[in-house]
Amino acid sequence: LLDRGDRVAALVRRPEALEDLRGHGDR
């Protein structure tokens, strides 16, 4: 979803596991 330009609201227990996706900014 992020790669195609969509926005994602991720509800997660471990936010650090998505740290490598922070480059997508406010999406």
PDB file of all heavy atoms in Angstrom:
ATOM      1  N   LEU A   1       0.825  -1.203   0.000  1.00  0.00           N
ATOM      2  CA  LEU A   1       0.000   0.000   0.000  1.00  0.00           C
ATOM      3  C   LEU A   1       0.865   1.261   0.000  1.00  0.00           C
ATOM      4  O   LEU A   1       0.628   2.202  -0.765  1.00  0.00           O
ATOM      5  CB  LEU A   1      -0.927   0.002   1.208  1.00  0.00           C
ATOM      6  CG  LEU A   1      -2.043  -1.043   1.203  1.00  0.00           C
ATOM      7  CD1 LEU A   1      -2.743  -1.079   2.556  1.00  0.00           C
ATOM      8  CD2 LEU A   1      -3.057  -0.764   0.090  1.00  0.00           C
ATOM      9  N   LEU A   2       1.861   1.280   0.857  1.00  0.00           N
ATOM     10  CA  LEU A   2       2.737   2.448   0.938  1.00  0.00           C
ATOM     11  C   LEU A   2       3.513   2.632  -0.362  1.00  0.00           C
ATOM     12  O   LEU A   2       3.690   3.763  -0.835  1.00  0.00           O
ATOM     13  CB  LEU A   2       3.694   2.302   2.116  1.00  0.00           C
ATOM     14  CG  LEU A   2       3.051   2.368   3.507  1.00  0.00           C
ATOM     15  CD1 LEU A   2       4.067   2.007   4.578  1.00  0.00           C
ATOM     16  CD2 LEU A   2       2.456   3.749   3.773  1.00  0.00           C
ATOM     17  N   ASP A   3       3.968   1.536  -0.942  1.00  0.00           N
ATOM     18  CA  ASP A   3       4.747   1.613  -2.174  1.00  0.00           C
ATOM     19  C   ASP A   3       3.940   2.167  -3.341  1.00  0.00           C
ATOM     20  O   ASP A   3       4.493   2.784  -4.259  1.00  0.00           O
ATOM     21  CB  ASP A   3       5.314   0.240  -2.548  1.00  0.00           C
ATOM     22  CG  ASP A   3       6.453  -0.194  -1.642  1.00  0.00           C
ATOM     23  OD1 ASP A   3       6.998   0.675  -0.922  1.00  0.00           O
ATOM     24  OD2 ASP A   3       6.790  -1.400  -1.639  1.00  0.00           O
ATOM     25  N   ARG A   4       2.628   1.953  -3.312  1.00  0.00           N
ATOM     26  CA  ARG A   4       1.807   2.463  -4.412  1.00  0.00           C
ATOM     27  C   ARG A   4       1.239   3.852  -4.115  1.00  0.00           C
ATOM     28  O   ARG A   4       0.476   4.404  -4.899  1.00  0.00           O
ATOM     29  CB  ARG A   4       0.694   1.482  -4.758  1.00  0.00           C
ATOM     30  CG  ARG A   4      -0.488   1.459  -3.817  1.00  0.00           C
ATOM     31  CD  ARG A   4      -1.605   0.561  -4.358  1.00  0.00           C
ATOM     32  NE  ARG A   4      -2.838   0.722  -3.580  1.00  0.00           N
ATOM     33  CZ  ARG A   4      -3.978   0.097  -3.859  1.00  0.00           C
ATOM     34  NH1 ARG A   4      -4.035  -0.745  -4.884  1.00  0.00           N
ATOM     35  NH2 ARG A   4      -5.061   0.301  -3.118  1.00  0.00           N
ATOM     36  N   GLY A   5       1.597   4.413  -2.950  1.00  0.00           N
ATOM     37  CA  GLY A   5       1.209   5.779  -2.647  1.00  0.00           C
ATOM     38  C   GLY A   5       0.010   5.956  -1.750  1.00  0.00           C
ATOM     39  O   GLY A   5      -0.474   7.081  -1.568  1.00  0.00           O
ATOM     40  N   ASP A   6      -0.488   4.875  -1.146  1.00  0.00           N
ATOM     41  CA  ASP A   6      -1.632   4.970  -0.240  1.00  0.00           C
ATOM     42  C   ASP A   6      -1.188   5.350   1.167  1.00  0.00           C
ATOM     43  O   ASP A   6       0.006   5.348   1.489  1.00  0.00           O
ATOM     44  CB  ASP A   6      -2.386   3.637  -0.200  1.00  0.00           C
ATOM     45  CG  ASP A   6      -3.095   3.332  -1.500  1.00  0.00           C
ATOM     46  OD1 ASP A   6      -3.400   4.279  -2.248  1.00  0.00           O
ATOM     47  OD2 ASP A   6      -3.333   2.144  -1.784  1.00  0.00           O
ATOM     48  N   ARG A   7      -2.172   5.650   2.020  1.00  0.00           N
ATOM     49  CA  ARG A   7      -1.913   5.912   3.436  1.00  0.00           C
ATOM     50  C   ARG A   7      -2.297   4.688   4.261  1.00  0.00           C
ATOM     51  O   ARG A   7      -3.276   4.008   3.950  1.00  0.00           O
ATOM     52  CB  ARG A   7      -2.716   7.114   3.934  1.00  0.00           C
ATOM     53  CG  ARG A   7      -2.360   8.428   3.290  1.00  0.00           C
ATOM     54  CD  ARG A   7      -3.014   9.602   4.027  1.00  0.00           C
ATOM     55  NE  ARG A   7      -4.463   9.504   4.038  1.00  0.00           N
ATOM     56  CZ  ARG A   7      -5.265  10.371   4.660  1.00  0.00           C
ATOM     57  NH1 ARG A   7      -4.743  11.393   5.331  1.00  0.00           N
ATOM     58  NH2 ARG A   7      -6.578  10.227   4.623  1.00  0.00           N
ATOM     59  N   VAL A   8      -1.534   4.442   5.322  1.00  0.00           N
ATOM     60  CA  VAL A   8      -1.809   3.320   6.209  1.00  0.00           C
ATOM     61  C   VAL A   8      -1.798   3.792   7.655  1.00  0.00           C
ATOM     62  O   VAL A   8      -0.828   4.416   8.104  1.00  0.00           O
ATOM     63  CB  VAL A   8      -0.783   2.177   6.038  1.00  0.00           C
ATOM     64  CG1 VAL A   8      -1.050   1.067   7.060  1.00  0.00           C
ATOM     65  CG2 VAL A   8      -0.818   1.614   4.624  1.00  0.00           C
ATOM     66  N   ALA A   9      -2.874   3.499   8.366  1.00  0.00           N
ATOM     67  CA  ALA A   9      -2.917   3.682   9.819  1.00  0.00           C
ATOM     68  C   ALA A   9      -2.657   2.310  10.422  1.00  0.00           C
ATOM     69  O   ALA A   9      -3.501   1.419  10.331  1.00  0.00           O
ATOM     70  CB  ALA A   9      -4.270   4.228  10.261  1.00  0.00           C
ATOM     71  N   ALA A  10      -1.487   2.115  10.997  1.00  0.00           N
ATOM     72  CA  ALA A  10      -1.081   0.819  11.534  1.00  0.00           C
ATOM     73  C   ALA A  10      -1.290   0.803  13.042  1.00  0.00           C
ATOM     74  O   ALA A  10      -0.698   1.606  13.768  1.00  0.00           O
ATOM     75  CB  ALA A  10       0.381   0.539  11.199  1.00  0.00           C
ATOM     76  N   LEU A  11      -2.119  -0.122  13.512  1.00  0.00           N
ATOM     77  CA  LEU A  11      -2.336  -0.312  14.948  1.00  0.00           C
ATOM     78  C   LEU A  11      -1.523  -1.522  15.373  1.00  0.00           C
ATOM     79  O   LEU A  11      -1.853  -2.661  15.018  1.00  0.00           O
ATOM     80  CB  LEU A  11      -3.825  -0.536  15.245  1.00  0.00           C
ATOM     81  CG  LEU A  11      -4.710   0.705  15.422  1.00  0.00           C
ATOM     82  CD1 LEU A  11      -4.599   1.643  14.240  1.00  0.00           C
ATOM     83  CD2 LEU A  11      -6.165   0.307  15.643  1.00  0.00           C
ATOM     84  N   VAL A  12      -0.450  -1.290  16.123  1.00  0.00           N
ATOM     85  CA  VAL A  12       0.518  -2.350  16.398  1.00  0.00           C
ATOM     86  C   VAL A  12       0.953  -2.325  17.857  1.00  0.00           C
ATOM     87  O   VAL A  12       0.887  -1.292  18.523  1.00  0.00           O
ATOM     88  CB  VAL A  12       1.757  -2.214  15.488  1.00  0.00           C
ATOM     89  CG1 VAL A  12       1.365  -2.358  14.027  1.00  0.00           C
ATOM     90  CG2 VAL A  12       2.457  -0.878  15.708  1.00  0.00           C
ATOM     91  N   ARG A  13       1.438  -3.474  18.334  1.00  0.00           N
ATOM     92  CA  ARG A  13       1.990  -3.544  19.688  1.00  0.00           C
ATOM     93  C   ARG A  13       3.420  -3.057  19.731  1.00  0.00           C
ATOM     94  O   ARG A  13       3.882  -2.539  20.744  1.00  0.00           O
ATOM     95  CB  ARG A  13       1.921  -4.983  20.220  1.00  0.00           C
ATOM     96  CG  ARG A  13       0.542  -5.472  20.588  1.00  0.00           C
ATOM     97  CD  ARG A  13       0.591  -6.829  21.261  1.00  0.00           C
ATOM     98  NE  ARG A  13       1.179  -7.851  20.401  1.00  0.00           N
ATOM     99  CZ  ARG A  13       2.369  -8.394  20.584  1.00  0.00           C
ATOM    100  NH1 ARG A  13       3.137  -8.008  21.590  1.00  0.00           N
ATOM    101  NH2 ARG A  13       2.821  -9.321  19.744  1.00  0.00           N
ATOM    102  N   ARG A  14       4.157  -3.245  18.626  1.00  0.00           N
ATOM    103  CA  ARG A  14       5.576  -2.889  18.597  1.00  0.00           C
ATOM    104  C   ARG A  14       5.837  -1.893  17.458  1.00  0.00           C
ATOM    105  O   ARG A  14       6.208  -2.279  16.352  1.00  0.00           O
ATOM    106  CB  ARG A  14       6.422  -4.153  18.395  1.00  0.00           C
ATOM    107  CG  ARG A  14       6.281  -5.191  19.503  1.00  0.00           C
ATOM    108  CD  ARG A  14       7.134  -6.423  19.256  1.00  0.00           C
ATOM    109  NE  ARG A  14       6.737  -7.156  18.065  1.00  0.00           N
ATOM    110  CZ  ARG A  14       7.408  -7.167  16.915  1.00  0.00           C
ATOM    111  NH1 ARG A  14       8.533  -6.465  16.790  1.00  0.00           N
ATOM    112  NH2 ARG A  14       6.967  -7.873  15.882  1.00  0.00           N
ATOM    113  N   PRO A  15       5.675  -0.609  17.722  1.00  0.00           N
ATOM    114  CA  PRO A  15       5.893   0.387  16.668  1.00  0.00           C
ATOM    115  C   PRO A  15       7.297   0.336  16.081  1.00  0.00           C
ATOM    116  O   PRO A  15       7.486   0.646  14.893  1.00  0.00           O
ATOM    117  CB  PRO A  15       5.652   1.719  17.394  1.00  0.00           C
ATOM    118  CG  PRO A  15       4.786   1.365  18.553  1.00  0.00           C
ATOM    119  CD  PRO A  15       5.214  -0.002  18.981  1.00  0.00           C
ATOM    120  N   GLU A  16       8.275  -0.074  16.883  1.00  0.00           N
ATOM    121  CA  GLU A  16       9.654  -0.125  16.388  1.00  0.00           C
ATOM    122  C   GLU A  16       9.815  -1.097  15.228  1.00  0.00           C
ATOM    123  O   GLU A  16      10.747  -0.982  14.424  1.00  0.00           O
ATOM    124  CB  GLU A  16      10.615  -0.486  17.517  1.00  0.00           C
ATOM    125  CG  GLU A  16      10.465  -1.888  18.089  1.00  0.00           C
ATOM    126  CD  GLU A  16       9.388  -2.018  19.161  1.00  0.00           C
ATOM    127  OE1 GLU A  16       8.630  -1.045  19.361  1.00  0.00           O
ATOM    128  OE2 GLU A  16       9.322  -3.100  19.792  1.00  0.00           O
ATOM    129  N   ALA A  17       8.910  -2.072  15.114  1.00  0.00           N
ATOM    130  CA  ALA A  17       8.997  -3.045  14.026  1.00  0.00           C
ATOM    131  C   ALA A  17       8.686  -2.419  12.666  1.00  0.00           C
ATOM    132  O   ALA A  17       8.949  -3.026  11.631  1.00  0.00           O
ATOM    133  CB  ALA A  17       8.046  -4.213  14.284  1.00  0.00           C
ATOM    134  N   LEU A  18       8.126  -1.206  12.673  1.00  0.00           N
ATOM    135  CA  LEU A  18       7.832  -0.504  11.418  1.00  0.00           C
ATOM    136  C   LEU A  18       8.787   0.654  11.186  1.00  0.00           C
ATOM    137  O   LEU A  18       8.568   1.480  10.293  1.00  0.00           O
ATOM    138  CB  LEU A  18       6.386   0.012  11.438  1.00  0.00           C
ATOM    139  CG  LEU A  18       5.279  -1.052  11.506  1.00  0.00           C
ATOM    140  CD1 LEU A  18       3.912  -0.382  11.546  1.00  0.00           C
ATOM    141  CD2 LEU A  18       5.365  -2.004  10.328  1.00  0.00           C
ATOM    142  N   GLU A  19       9.852   0.708  11.963  1.00  0.00           N
ATOM    143  CA  GLU A  19      10.785   1.832  11.877  1.00  0.00           C
ATOM    144  C   GLU A  19      11.368   1.977  10.468  1.00  0.00           C
ATOM    145  O   GLU A  19      11.596   3.097   9.988  1.00  0.00           O
ATOM    146  CB  GLU A  19      11.922   1.646  12.885  1.00  0.00           C
ATOM    147  CG  GLU A  19      12.768   2.886  13.115  1.00  0.00           C
ATOM    148  CD  GLU A  19      11.977   4.040  13.700  1.00  0.00           C
ATOM    149  OE1 GLU A  19      11.047   3.794  14.501  1.00  0.00           O
ATOM    150  OE2 GLU A  19      12.287   5.189  13.351  1.00  0.00           O
ATOM    151  N   ASP A  20      11.577   0.861   9.787  1.00  0.00           N
ATOM    152  CA  ASP A  20      12.173   0.928   8.454  1.00  0.00           C
ATOM    153  C   ASP A  20      11.215   1.478   7.404  1.00  0.00           C
ATOM    154  O   ASP A  20      11.627   1.745   6.262  1.00  0.00           O
ATOM    155  CB  ASP A  20      12.654  -0.463   8.023  1.00  0.00           C
ATOM    156  CG  ASP A  20      11.526  -1.478   7.982  1.00  0.00           C
ATOM    157  OD1 ASP A  20      10.728  -1.515   8.938  1.00  0.00           O
ATOM    158  OD2 ASP A  20      11.441  -2.244   7.005  1.00  0.00           O
ATOM    159  N   LEU A  21       9.947   1.675   7.775  1.00  0.00           N
ATOM    160  CA  LEU A  21       8.979   2.224   6.836  1.00  0.00           C
ATOM    161  C   LEU A  21       8.723   3.707   7.075  1.00  0.00           C
ATOM    162  O   LEU A  21       7.882   4.314   6.387  1.00  0.00           O
ATOM    163  CB  LEU A  21       7.649   1.456   6.935  1.00  0.00           C
ATOM    164  CG  LEU A  21       7.703  -0.050   6.619  1.00  0.00           C
ATOM    165  CD1 LEU A  21       6.305  -0.650   6.727  1.00  0.00           C
ATOM    166  CD2 LEU A  21       8.275  -0.300   5.232  1.00  0.00           C
ATOM    167  N   ARG A  22       9.440   4.301   8.015  1.00  0.00           N
ATOM    168  CA  ARG A  22       9.227   5.705   8.351  1.00  0.00           C
ATOM    169  C   ARG A  22       9.528   6.639   7.183  1.00  0.00           C
ATOM    170  O   ARG A  22       9.089   7.790   7.149  1.00  0.00           O
ATOM    171  CB  ARG A  22      10.116   6.100   9.533  1.00  0.00           C
ATOM    172  CG  ARG A  22       9.762   5.421  10.845  1.00  0.00           C
ATOM    173  CD  ARG A  22       8.549   6.029  11.480  1.00  0.00           C
ATOM    174  NE  ARG A  22       8.331   5.535  12.840  1.00  0.00           N
ATOM    175  CZ  ARG A  22       7.350   5.939  13.632  1.00  0.00           C
ATOM    176  NH1 ARG A  22       6.505   6.847  13.201  1.00  0.00           N
ATOM    177  NH2 ARG A  22       7.214   5.437  14.845  1.00  0.00           N
ATOM    178  N   GLY A  23      10.278   6.147   6.207  1.00  0.00           N
ATOM    179  CA  GLY A  23      10.612   6.965   5.047  1.00  0.00           C
ATOM    180  C   GLY A  23       9.405   7.369   4.214  1.00  0.00           C
ATOM    181  O   GLY A  23       9.498   8.250   3.353  1.00  0.00           O
ATOM    182  N   HIS A  24       8.269   6.721   4.459  1.00  0.00           N
ATOM    183  CA  HIS A  24       7.058   7.074   3.729  1.00  0.00           C
ATOM    184  C   HIS A  24       6.370   8.301   4.325  1.00  0.00           C
ATOM    185  O   HIS A  24       5.305   8.709   3.839  1.00  0.00           O
ATOM    186  CB  HIS A  24       6.097   5.887   3.722  1.00  0.00           C
ATOM    187  CG  HIS A  24       6.594   4.726   2.912  1.00  0.00           C
ATOM    188  ND1 HIS A  24       6.525   4.690   1.540  1.00  0.00           N
ATOM    189  CD2 HIS A  24       7.190   3.566   3.286  1.00  0.00           C
ATOM    190  CE1 HIS A  24       7.041   3.553   1.089  1.00  0.00           C
ATOM    191  NE2 HIS A  24       7.444   2.849   2.128  1.00  0.00           N
ATOM    192  N   GLY A  25       6.978   8.877   5.349  1.00  0.00           N
ATOM    193  CA  GLY A  25       6.475  10.129   5.912  1.00  0.00           C
ATOM    194  C   GLY A  25       5.108  10.013   6.531  1.00  0.00           C
ATOM    195  O   GLY A  25       4.782   9.003   7.178  1.00  0.00           O
ATOM    196  N   ASP A  26       4.298  11.051   6.296  1.00  0.00           N
ATOM    197  CA  ASP A  26       2.997  11.097   6.970  1.00  0.00           C
ATOM    198  C   ASP A  26       1.967  10.169   6.329  1.00  0.00           C
ATOM    199  O   ASP A  26       0.814  10.136   6.758  1.00  0.00           O
ATOM    200  CB  ASP A  26       2.468  12.528   7.022  1.00  0.00           C
ATOM    201  CG  ASP A  26       2.268  13.143   5.634  1.00  0.00           C
ATOM    202  OD1 ASP A  26       2.450  12.429   4.631  1.00  0.00           O
ATOM    203  OD2 ASP A  26       1.929  14.343   5.566  1.00  0.00           O
ATOM    204  N   ARG A  27       2.377   9.407   5.308  1.00  0.00           N
ATOM    205  CA  ARG A  27       1.457   8.401   4.766  1.00  0.00           C
ATOM    206  C   ARG A  27       1.412   7.153   5.644  1.00  0.00           C
ATOM    207  O   ARG A  27       0.567   6.279   5.437  1.00  0.00           O
ATOM    208  CB  ARG A  27       1.846   8.030   3.330  1.00  0.00           C
ATOM    209  CG  ARG A  27       1.521   9.125   2.333  1.00  0.00           C
ATOM    210  CD  ARG A  27       1.615   8.679   0.881  1.00  0.00           C
ATOM    211  NE  ARG A  27       2.963   8.295   0.499  1.00  0.00           N
ATOM    212  CZ  ARG A  27       3.367   7.051   0.313  1.00  0.00           C
ATOM    213  NH1 ARG A  27       2.527   6.031   0.499  1.00  0.00           N
ATOM    214  NH2 ARG A  27       4.612   6.785  -0.045  1.00  0.00           N
TER     215      ARG A  27
END
